[in-house]
Full PDB file with SEQRES, HELIX, SHEET, SSBOND, CRYST1, ORIGX, SCALE, CONECT and MASTER records, all heavy atoms in Angstrom:
SEQRES   1 A   34  PHE THR ILE SER ARG ASP ASN ALA LYS ASN THR LEU TYR          
SEQRES   2 A   34  LEU GLN MET ASN SER LEU LYS PRO GLU ASP THR ALA VAL          
SEQRES   3 A   34  TYR TYR CYS ASN GLY GLN ASP TRP                              
HELIX    1 AA1 PRO A   21  ASP A   23  5                                   3    
SHEET    1 AA1 2 THR A   2  ASP A   6  0                                        
SHEET    2 AA1 2 THR A  11  GLN A  15 -1                                        
CRYST1    1.000    1.000    1.000  90.00  90.00  90.00 P 1           1          
ORIGX1      1.000000  0.000000  0.000000        0.00000                         
ORIGX2      0.000000  1.000000  0.000000        0.00000                         
ORIGX3      0.000000  0.000000  1.000000        0.00000                         
SCALE1      1.000000  0.000000  0.000000        0.00000                         
SCALE2      0.000000  1.000000  0.000000        0.00000                         
SCALE3      0.000000  0.000000  1.000000        0.00000                         
ATOM      1  N   PHE A   1      28.810 107.598 -48.318  1.00  0.00           N  
ATOM      2  CA  PHE A   1      30.129 107.950 -48.809  1.00  0.00           C  
ATOM      3  C   PHE A   1      30.091 109.343 -49.441  1.00  0.00           C  
ATOM      4  O   PHE A   1      29.099 109.690 -50.080  1.00  0.00           O  
ATOM      5  CB  PHE A   1      30.634 106.920 -49.826  1.00  0.00           C  
ATOM      6  CG  PHE A   1      30.929 105.607 -49.238  1.00  0.00           C  
ATOM      7  CD1 PHE A   1      30.648 105.180 -47.998  1.00  0.00           C  
ATOM      8  CD2 PHE A   1      31.623 104.646 -50.069  1.00  0.00           C  
ATOM      9  CE1 PHE A   1      30.887 103.933 -47.466  1.00  0.00           C  
ATOM     10  CE2 PHE A   1      31.899 103.404 -49.619  1.00  0.00           C  
ATOM     11  CZ  PHE A   1      31.593 103.034 -48.329  1.00  0.00           C  
ATOM     12  N   THR A   2      31.248 110.059 -49.310  1.00  0.00           N  
ATOM     13  CA  THR A   2      31.311 111.357 -49.978  1.00  0.00           C  
ATOM     14  C   THR A   2      32.702 111.386 -50.631  1.00  0.00           C  
ATOM     15  O   THR A   2      33.738 111.198 -50.060  1.00  0.00           O  
ATOM     16  CB  THR A   2      31.227 112.518 -49.013  1.00  0.00           C  
ATOM     17  OG1 THR A   2      29.964 112.376 -48.301  1.00  0.00           O  
ATOM     18  CG2 THR A   2      31.317 113.831 -49.700  1.00  0.00           C  
ATOM     19  N   ILE A   3      32.661 111.728 -52.008  1.00  0.00           N  
ATOM     20  CA  ILE A   3      33.918 111.949 -52.699  1.00  0.00           C  
ATOM     21  C   ILE A   3      34.162 113.428 -52.816  1.00  0.00           C  
ATOM     22  O   ILE A   3      33.251 114.205 -52.986  1.00  0.00           O  
ATOM     23  CB  ILE A   3      33.733 111.318 -54.173  1.00  0.00           C  
ATOM     24  CG1 ILE A   3      35.159 111.294 -54.812  1.00  0.00           C  
ATOM     25  CG2 ILE A   3      32.747 111.951 -54.960  1.00  0.00           C  
ATOM     26  CD1 ILE A   3      35.134 110.462 -56.110  1.00  0.00           C  
ATOM     27  N   SER A   4      35.470 113.778 -52.729  1.00  0.00           N  
ATOM     28  CA  SER A   4      35.838 115.175 -52.820  1.00  0.00           C  
ATOM     29  C   SER A   4      37.237 115.286 -53.348  1.00  0.00           C  
ATOM     30  O   SER A   4      37.978 114.235 -53.410  1.00  0.00           O  
ATOM     31  CB  SER A   4      35.741 115.867 -51.502  1.00  0.00           C  
ATOM     32  OG  SER A   4      36.624 115.277 -50.556  1.00  0.00           O  
ATOM     33  N   ARG A   5      37.618 116.475 -53.743  1.00  0.00           N  
ATOM     34  CA  ARG A   5      39.038 116.632 -54.319  1.00  0.00           C  
ATOM     35  C   ARG A   5      39.574 117.964 -53.866  1.00  0.00           C  
ATOM     36  O   ARG A   5      38.775 118.909 -53.628  1.00  0.00           O  
ATOM     37  CB  ARG A   5      38.979 116.603 -55.828  1.00  0.00           C  
ATOM     38  CG  ARG A   5      37.964 117.601 -56.455  1.00  0.00           C  
ATOM     39  CD  ARG A   5      37.776 117.261 -57.905  1.00  0.00           C  
ATOM     40  NE  ARG A   5      38.993 117.497 -58.704  1.00  0.00           N  
ATOM     41  CZ  ARG A   5      39.052 117.069 -59.979  1.00  0.00           C  
ATOM     42  NH1 ARG A   5      38.137 116.402 -60.562  1.00  0.00           N  
ATOM     43  NH2 ARG A   5      40.220 117.323 -60.622  1.00  0.00           N  
ATOM     44  N   ASP A   6      40.867 117.981 -53.601  1.00  0.00           N  
ATOM     45  CA  ASP A   6      41.594 119.194 -53.237  1.00  0.00           C  
ATOM     46  C   ASP A   6      42.583 119.425 -54.388  1.00  0.00           C  
ATOM     47  O   ASP A   6      43.573 118.847 -54.431  1.00  0.00           O  
ATOM     48  CB  ASP A   6      42.289 119.058 -51.918  1.00  0.00           C  
ATOM     49  CG  ASP A   6      42.899 120.343 -51.462  1.00  0.00           C  
ATOM     50  OD1 ASP A   6      43.330 121.170 -52.282  1.00  0.00           O  
ATOM     51  OD2 ASP A   6      42.970 120.500 -50.221  1.00  0.00           O  
ATOM     52  N   ASN A   7      42.210 120.326 -55.298  1.00  0.00           N  
ATOM     53  CA  ASN A   7      43.026 120.575 -56.484  1.00  0.00           C  
ATOM     54  C   ASN A   7      44.439 121.118 -56.084  1.00  0.00           C  
ATOM     55  O   ASN A   7      45.432 120.758 -56.795  1.00  0.00           O  
ATOM     56  CB  ASN A   7      42.384 121.473 -57.439  1.00  0.00           C  
ATOM     57  CG  ASN A   7      41.087 120.870 -58.027  1.00  0.00           C  
ATOM     58  OD1 ASN A   7      41.003 119.655 -58.169  1.00  0.00           O  
ATOM     59  ND2 ASN A   7      40.179 121.751 -58.349  1.00  0.00           N  
ATOM     60  N   ALA A   8      44.454 121.928 -55.062  1.00  0.00           N  
ATOM     61  CA  ALA A   8      45.712 122.481 -54.628  1.00  0.00           C  
ATOM     62  C   ALA A   8      46.696 121.430 -54.092  1.00  0.00           C  
ATOM     63  O   ALA A   8      47.901 121.584 -54.252  1.00  0.00           O  
ATOM     64  CB  ALA A   8      45.482 123.543 -53.575  1.00  0.00           C  
ATOM     65  N   LYS A   9      46.125 120.411 -53.488  1.00  0.00           N  
ATOM     66  CA  LYS A   9      46.990 119.316 -52.907  1.00  0.00           C  
ATOM     67  C   LYS A   9      47.054 118.151 -53.853  1.00  0.00           C  
ATOM     68  O   LYS A   9      47.710 117.194 -53.489  1.00  0.00           O  
ATOM     69  CB  LYS A   9      46.371 118.862 -51.603  1.00  0.00           C  
ATOM     70  CG  LYS A   9      46.451 119.935 -50.500  1.00  0.00           C  
ATOM     71  CD  LYS A   9      45.918 119.372 -49.182  1.00  0.00           C  
ATOM     72  CE  LYS A   9      46.059 120.403 -48.072  1.00  0.00           C  
ATOM     73  NZ  LYS A   9      45.527 119.881 -46.815  1.00  0.00           N  
ATOM     74  N   ASN A  10      46.373 118.201 -54.987  1.00  0.00           N  
ATOM     75  CA  ASN A  10      46.436 117.114 -55.990  1.00  0.00           C  
ATOM     76  C   ASN A  10      45.973 115.837 -55.361  1.00  0.00           C  
ATOM     77  O   ASN A  10      46.582 114.759 -55.573  1.00  0.00           O  
ATOM     78  CB  ASN A  10      47.773 117.025 -56.656  1.00  0.00           C  
ATOM     79  CG  ASN A  10      48.060 118.158 -57.542  1.00  0.00           C  
ATOM     80  OD1 ASN A  10      47.209 118.649 -58.333  1.00  0.00           O  
ATOM     81  ND2 ASN A  10      49.311 118.703 -57.414  1.00  0.00           N  
ATOM     82  N   THR A  11      44.897 115.888 -54.586  1.00  0.00           N  
ATOM     83  CA  THR A  11      44.480 114.716 -53.822  1.00  0.00           C  
ATOM     84  C   THR A  11      43.001 114.580 -53.929  1.00  0.00           C  
ATOM     85  O   THR A  11      42.239 115.533 -53.917  1.00  0.00           O  
ATOM     86  CB  THR A  11      44.884 114.899 -52.343  1.00  0.00           C  
ATOM     87  OG1 THR A  11      46.251 115.055 -52.208  1.00  0.00           O  
ATOM     88  CG2 THR A  11      44.393 113.667 -51.504  1.00  0.00           C  
ATOM     89  N   LEU A  12      42.611 113.287 -54.085  1.00  0.00           N  
ATOM     90  CA  LEU A  12      41.188 112.839 -54.107  1.00  0.00           C  
ATOM     91  C   LEU A  12      40.910 112.157 -52.818  1.00  0.00           C  
ATOM     92  O   LEU A  12      41.764 111.417 -52.211  1.00  0.00           O  
ATOM     93  CB  LEU A  12      41.011 111.850 -55.275  1.00  0.00           C  
ATOM     94  CG  LEU A  12      39.622 111.320 -55.479  1.00  0.00           C  
ATOM     95  CD1 LEU A  12      38.690 112.409 -56.029  1.00  0.00           C  
ATOM     96  CD2 LEU A  12      39.639 110.094 -56.484  1.00  0.00           C  
ATOM     97  N   TYR A  13      39.695 112.306 -52.284  1.00  0.00           N  
ATOM     98  CA  TYR A  13      39.291 111.756 -51.030  1.00  0.00           C  
ATOM     99  C   TYR A  13      38.012 110.963 -51.204  1.00  0.00           C  
ATOM    100  O   TYR A  13      37.185 111.127 -52.092  1.00  0.00           O  
ATOM    101  CB  TYR A  13      39.060 112.793 -49.950  1.00  0.00           C  
ATOM    102  CG  TYR A  13      40.267 113.623 -49.668  1.00  0.00           C  
ATOM    103  CD1 TYR A  13      40.355 114.974 -50.241  1.00  0.00           C  
ATOM    104  CD2 TYR A  13      41.293 113.287 -48.880  1.00  0.00           C  
ATOM    105  CE1 TYR A  13      41.433 115.828 -50.011  1.00  0.00           C  
ATOM    106  CE2 TYR A  13      42.391 114.067 -48.601  1.00  0.00           C  
ATOM    107  CZ  TYR A  13      42.411 115.336 -49.163  1.00  0.00           C  
ATOM    108  OH  TYR A  13      43.525 116.157 -48.911  1.00  0.00           O  
ATOM    109  N   LEU A  14      37.867 109.977 -50.244  1.00  0.00           N  
ATOM    110  CA  LEU A  14      36.575 109.265 -50.136  1.00  0.00           C  
ATOM    111  C   LEU A  14      36.287 109.156 -48.649  1.00  0.00           C  
ATOM    112  O   LEU A  14      37.009 108.373 -47.956  1.00  0.00           O  
ATOM    113  CB  LEU A  14      36.621 107.926 -50.790  1.00  0.00           C  
ATOM    114  CG  LEU A  14      35.284 107.149 -50.777  1.00  0.00           C  
ATOM    115  CD1 LEU A  14      34.284 107.851 -51.671  1.00  0.00           C  
ATOM    116  CD2 LEU A  14      35.438 105.695 -51.240  1.00  0.00           C  
ATOM    117  N   GLN A  15      35.320 109.920 -48.179  1.00  0.00           N  
ATOM    118  CA  GLN A  15      34.918 109.750 -46.782  1.00  0.00           C  
ATOM    119  C   GLN A  15      33.845 108.731 -46.771  1.00  0.00           C  
ATOM    120  O   GLN A  15      32.804 108.730 -47.389  1.00  0.00           O  
ATOM    121  CB  GLN A  15      34.296 111.123 -46.277  1.00  0.00           C  
ATOM    122  CG  GLN A  15      33.758 111.065 -44.866  1.00  0.00           C  
ATOM    123  CD  GLN A  15      34.892 110.813 -43.846  1.00  0.00           C  
ATOM    124  OE1 GLN A  15      35.931 111.446 -43.890  1.00  0.00           O  
ATOM    125  NE2 GLN A  15      34.676 109.949 -42.879  1.00  0.00           N  
ATOM    126  N   MET A  16      34.049 107.657 -45.930  1.00  0.00           N  
ATOM    127  CA  MET A  16      33.154 106.556 -45.826  1.00  0.00           C  
ATOM    128  C   MET A  16      32.620 106.452 -44.402  1.00  0.00           C  
ATOM    129  O   MET A  16      33.392 106.326 -43.442  1.00  0.00           O  
ATOM    130  CB  MET A  16      33.907 105.258 -46.130  1.00  0.00           C  
ATOM    131  CG  MET A  16      34.607 105.273 -47.538  1.00  0.00           C  
ATOM    132  SD  MET A  16      35.331 103.718 -48.018  1.00  0.00           S  
ATOM    133  CE  MET A  16      36.576 103.512 -46.737  1.00  0.00           C  
ATOM    134  N   ASN A  17      31.329 106.637 -44.245  1.00  0.00           N  
ATOM    135  CA  ASN A  17      30.670 106.600 -42.943  1.00  0.00           C  
ATOM    136  C   ASN A  17      29.680 105.388 -42.944  1.00  0.00           C  
ATOM    137  O   ASN A  17      29.308 104.862 -43.980  1.00  0.00           O  
ATOM    138  CB  ASN A  17      29.892 107.861 -42.714  1.00  0.00           C  
ATOM    139  CG  ASN A  17      30.810 109.098 -42.634  1.00  0.00           C  
ATOM    140  OD1 ASN A  17      31.951 109.010 -42.265  1.00  0.00           O  
ATOM    141  ND2 ASN A  17      30.248 110.216 -43.031  1.00  0.00           N  
ATOM    142  N   SER A  18      29.303 105.001 -41.750  1.00  0.00           N  
ATOM    143  CA  SER A  18      28.281 103.973 -41.576  1.00  0.00           C  
ATOM    144  C   SER A  18      28.706 102.659 -42.390  1.00  0.00           C  
ATOM    145  O   SER A  18      27.914 102.146 -43.097  1.00  0.00           O  
ATOM    146  CB  SER A  18      26.911 104.458 -42.028  1.00  0.00           C  
ATOM    147  OG  SER A  18      26.498 105.544 -41.255  1.00  0.00           O  
ATOM    148  N   LEU A  19      30.001 102.368 -42.176  1.00  0.00           N  
ATOM    149  CA  LEU A  19      30.514 101.234 -42.965  1.00  0.00           C  
ATOM    150  C   LEU A  19      29.838  99.909 -42.622  1.00  0.00           C  
ATOM    151  O   LEU A  19      29.410  99.700 -41.434  1.00  0.00           O  
ATOM    152  CB  LEU A  19      31.984 101.121 -42.740  1.00  0.00           C  
ATOM    153  CG  LEU A  19      32.818 102.153 -43.556  1.00  0.00           C  
ATOM    154  CD1 LEU A  19      34.206 102.380 -42.971  1.00  0.00           C  
ATOM    155  CD2 LEU A  19      32.894 101.744 -45.029  1.00  0.00           C  
ATOM    156  N   LYS A  20      29.688  99.112 -43.593  1.00  0.00           N  
ATOM    157  CA  LYS A  20      29.048  97.759 -43.512  1.00  0.00           C  
ATOM    158  C   LYS A  20      30.068  96.681 -43.914  1.00  0.00           C  
ATOM    159  O   LYS A  20      30.966  96.971 -44.636  1.00  0.00           O  
ATOM    160  CB  LYS A  20      27.822  97.727 -44.422  1.00  0.00           C  
ATOM    161  CG  LYS A  20      26.800  98.818 -44.218  1.00  0.00           C  
ATOM    162  CD  LYS A  20      25.669  98.728 -45.252  1.00  0.00           C  
ATOM    163  CE  LYS A  20      24.660  99.739 -44.998  1.00  0.00           C  
ATOM    164  NZ  LYS A  20      23.537  99.696 -46.042  1.00  0.00           N  
ATOM    165  N   PRO A  21      29.843  95.483 -43.418  1.00  0.00           N  
ATOM    166  CA  PRO A  21      30.774  94.414 -43.818  1.00  0.00           C  
ATOM    167  C   PRO A  21      30.814  94.195 -45.296  1.00  0.00           C  
ATOM    168  O   PRO A  21      31.899  93.844 -45.809  1.00  0.00           O  
ATOM    169  CB  PRO A  21      30.159  93.184 -43.139  1.00  0.00           C  
ATOM    170  CG  PRO A  21      29.536  93.684 -41.901  1.00  0.00           C  
ATOM    171  CD  PRO A  21      28.917  95.066 -42.376  1.00  0.00           C  
ATOM    172  N   GLU A  22      29.724  94.484 -45.994  1.00  0.00           N  
ATOM    173  CA  GLU A  22      29.761  94.327 -47.515  1.00  0.00           C  
ATOM    174  C   GLU A  22      30.564  95.394 -48.200  1.00  0.00           C  
ATOM    175  O   GLU A  22      30.765  95.323 -49.425  1.00  0.00           O  
ATOM    176  CB  GLU A  22      28.302  94.343 -48.008  1.00  0.00           C  
ATOM    177  CG  GLU A  22      27.433  95.462 -47.622  1.00  0.00           C  
ATOM    178  CD  GLU A  22      26.606  95.062 -46.393  1.00  0.00           C  
ATOM    179  OE1 GLU A  22      27.092  94.405 -45.436  1.00  0.00           O  
ATOM    180  OE2 GLU A  22      25.333  95.442 -46.375  1.00  0.00           O  
ATOM    181  N   ASP A  23      31.077  96.343 -47.426  1.00  0.00           N  
ATOM    182  CA  ASP A  23      31.948  97.443 -48.011  1.00  0.00           C  
ATOM    183  C   ASP A  23      33.403  96.856 -48.022  1.00  0.00           C  
ATOM    184  O   ASP A  23      34.265  97.600 -48.619  1.00  0.00           O  
ATOM    185  CB  ASP A  23      31.896  98.687 -47.213  1.00  0.00           C  
ATOM    186  CG  ASP A  23      30.530  99.401 -47.292  1.00  0.00           C  
ATOM    187  OD1 ASP A  23      29.957  99.421 -48.382  1.00  0.00           O  
ATOM    188  OD2 ASP A  23      30.109  99.862 -46.238  1.00  0.00           O  
ATOM    189  N   THR A  24      33.629  95.788 -47.455  1.00  0.00           N  
ATOM    190  CA  THR A  24      34.967  95.142 -47.479  1.00  0.00           C  
ATOM    191  C   THR A  24      35.470  94.878 -48.863  1.00  0.00           C  
ATOM    192  O   THR A  24      34.771  94.147 -49.668  1.00  0.00           O  
ATOM    193  CB  THR A  24      34.995  93.846 -46.647  1.00  0.00           C  
ATOM    194  OG1 THR A  24      34.689  94.114 -45.322  1.00  0.00           O  
ATOM    195  CG2 THR A  24      36.356  93.142 -46.752  1.00  0.00           C  
ATOM    196  N   ALA A  25      36.634  95.462 -49.254  1.00  0.00           N  
ATOM    197  CA  ALA A  25      37.183  95.274 -50.556  1.00  0.00           C  
ATOM    198  C   ALA A  25      38.539  95.979 -50.633  1.00  0.00           C  
ATOM    199  O   ALA A  25      38.896  96.752 -49.707  1.00  0.00           O  
ATOM    200  CB  ALA A  25      36.219  95.939 -51.617  1.00  0.00           C  
ATOM    201  N   VAL A  26      39.180  95.842 -51.777  1.00  0.00           N  
ATOM    202  CA  VAL A  26      40.324  96.747 -52.055  1.00  0.00           C  
ATOM    203  C   VAL A  26      39.808  97.953 -52.864  1.00  0.00           C  
ATOM    204  O   VAL A  26      39.068  97.741 -53.847  1.00  0.00           O  
ATOM    205  CB  VAL A  26      41.395  95.929 -52.917  1.00  0.00           C  
ATOM    206  CG1 VAL A  26      42.554  96.904 -53.315  1.00  0.00           C  
ATOM    207  CG2 VAL A  26      41.908  94.741 -52.146  1.00  0.00           C  
ATOM    208  N   TYR A  27      40.154  99.081 -52.398  1.00  0.00           N  
ATOM    209  CA  TYR A  27      39.678 100.322 -53.024  1.00  0.00           C  
ATOM    210  C   TYR A  27      40.757 100.903 -53.848  1.00  0.00           C  
ATOM    211  O   TYR A  27      41.929 101.062 -53.398  1.00  0.00           O  
ATOM    212  CB  TYR A  27      39.268 101.259 -51.921  1.00  0.00           C  
ATOM    213  CG  TYR A  27      37.902 100.919 -51.365  1.00  0.00           C  
ATOM    214  CD1 TYR A  27      37.748  99.815 -50.515  1.00  0.00           C  
ATOM    215  CD2 TYR A  27      36.698 101.758 -51.626  1.00  0.00           C  
ATOM    216  CE1 TYR A  27      36.517  99.478 -49.967  1.00  0.00           C  
ATOM    217  CE2 TYR A  27      35.518 101.369 -51.090  1.00  0.00           C  
ATOM    218  CZ  TYR A  27      35.343 100.218 -50.306  1.00  0.00           C  
ATOM    219  OH  TYR A  27      34.166  99.904 -49.735  1.00  0.00           O  
ATOM    220  N   TYR A  28      40.352 101.271 -55.118  1.00  0.00           N  
ATOM    221  CA  TYR A  28      41.379 101.761 -56.039  1.00  0.00           C  
ATOM    222  C   TYR A  28      40.955 103.160 -56.495  1.00  0.00           C  
ATOM    223  O   TYR A  28      39.750 103.485 -56.728  1.00  0.00           O  
ATOM    224  CB  TYR A  28      41.404 100.927 -57.389  1.00  0.00           C  
ATOM    225  CG  TYR A  28      41.863  99.534 -57.150  1.00  0.00           C  
ATOM    226  CD1 TYR A  28      40.972  98.488 -56.824  1.00  0.00           C  
ATOM    227  CD2 TYR A  28      43.199  99.210 -57.238  1.00  0.00           C  
ATOM    228  CE1 TYR A  28      41.434  97.172 -56.595  1.00  0.00           C  
ATOM    229  CE2 TYR A  28      43.665  97.973 -57.004  1.00  0.00           C  
ATOM    230  CZ  TYR A  28      42.816  96.918 -56.731  1.00  0.00           C  
ATOM    231  OH  TYR A  28      43.270  95.650 -56.580  1.00  0.00           O  
ATOM    232  N   CYS A  29      41.951 104.055 -56.643  1.00  0.00           N  
ATOM    233  CA  CYS A  29      41.772 105.382 -57.135  1.00  0.00           C  
ATOM    234  C   CYS A  29      41.980 105.298 -58.703  1.00  0.00           C  
ATOM    235  O   CYS A  29      42.844 104.582 -59.160  1.00  0.00           O  
ATOM    236  CB  CYS A  29      42.812 106.332 -56.535  1.00  0.00           C  
ATOM    237  SG  CYS A  29      42.883 107.957 -57.142  1.00  0.00           S  
ATOM    238  N   ASN A  30      41.182 106.164 -59.385  1.00  0.00           N  
ATOM    239  CA  ASN A  30      41.282 106.170 -60.850  1.00  0.00           C  
ATOM    240  C   ASN A  30      41.181 107.584 -61.327  1.00  0.00           C  
ATOM    241  O   ASN A  30      40.521 108.402 -60.777  1.00  0.00           O  
ATOM    242  CB  ASN A  30      40.048 105.357 -61.381  1.00  0.00           C  
ATOM    243  CG  ASN A  30      39.890 105.572 -62.878  1.00  0.00           C  
ATOM    244  OD1 ASN A  30      39.176 106.481 -63.352  1.00  0.00           O  
ATOM    245  ND2 ASN A  30      40.602 104.743 -63.649  1.00  0.00           N  
ATOM    246  N   GLY A  31      42.006 107.869 -62.322  1.00  0.00           N  
ATOM    247  CA  GLY A  31      41.945 109.124 -63.028  1.00  0.00           C  
ATOM    248  C   GLY A  31      41.872 108.905 -64.536  1.00  0.00           C  
ATOM    249  O   GLY A  31      42.475 107.921 -65.085  1.00  0.00           O  
ATOM    250  N   GLN A  32      41.065 109.697 -65.132  1.00  0.00           N  
ATOM    251  CA  GLN A  32      40.825 109.526 -66.587  1.00  0.00           C  
ATOM    252  C   GLN A  32      41.116 110.752 -67.382  1.00  0.00           C  
ATOM    253  O   GLN A  32      40.672 111.879 -67.061  1.00  0.00           O  
ATOM    254  CB  GLN A  32      39.329 109.119 -66.838  1.00  0.00           C  
ATOM    255  CG  GLN A  32      38.847 107.823 -66.227  1.00  0.00           C  
ATOM    256  CD  GLN A  32      37.422 107.576 -66.485  1.00  0.00           C  
ATOM    257  OE1 GLN A  32      36.760 108.493 -66.984  1.00  0.00           O  
ATOM    258  NE2 GLN A  32      36.984 106.399 -66.156  1.00  0.00           N  
ATOM    259  N   ASP A  33      41.987 110.694 -68.398  1.00  0.00           N  
ATOM    260  CA  ASP A  33      42.073 111.626 -69.394  1.00  0.00           C  
ATOM    261  C   ASP A  33      41.806 110.924 -70.690  1.00  0.00           C  
ATOM    262  O   ASP A  33      40.718 110.480 -70.922  1.00  0.00           O  
ATOM    263  CB  ASP A  33      43.377 112.523 -69.352  1.00  0.00           C  
ATOM    264  CG  ASP A  33      44.677 111.672 -69.375  1.00  0.00           C  
ATOM    265  OD1 ASP A  33      44.613 110.450 -69.857  1.00  0.00           O  
ATOM    266  OD2 ASP A  33      45.662 112.161 -68.892  1.00  0.00           O  
ATOM    267  N   TRP A  34      42.826 110.781 -71.544  1.00  0.00           N  
ATOM    268  CA  TRP A  34      42.615 109.916 -72.835  1.00  0.00           C  
ATOM    269  C   TRP A  34      42.886 108.475 -72.461  1.00  0.00           C  
ATOM    270  O   TRP A  34      42.590 107.632 -73.355  1.00  0.00           O  
ATOM    271  CB  TRP A  34      43.530 110.447 -73.906  1.00  0.00           C  
ATOM    272  CG  TRP A  34      44.957 110.396 -73.579  1.00  0.00           C  
ATOM    273  CD1 TRP A  34      45.755 111.256 -72.901  1.00  0.00           C  
ATOM    274  CD2 TRP A  34      45.862 109.284 -73.901  1.00  0.00           C  
ATOM    275  NE1 TRP A  34      47.036 110.823 -72.827  1.00  0.00           N  
ATOM    276  CE2 TRP A  34      47.126 109.575 -73.342  1.00  0.00           C  
ATOM    277  CE3 TRP A  34      45.721 108.072 -74.634  1.00  0.00           C  
ATOM    278  CZ2 TRP A  34      48.260 108.742 -73.523  1.00  0.00           C  
ATOM    279  CZ3 TRP A  34      46.835 107.239 -74.746  1.00  0.00           C  
ATOM    280  CH2 TRP A  34      48.072 107.622 -74.210  1.00  0.00           C  
TER     281      TRP A  34                                                      
MASTER        0    0    0    1    2    0    0    6  280    1    0    3          
END                                                                             
């Protein structure tokens, strides 16, 4: 997996390769300030 961000587009990405059955889940995006 590779995480990346495009600040100009205000978008976060997660590229997931070679996926396995154990990767099955609900995926959530998180942002942290205070």
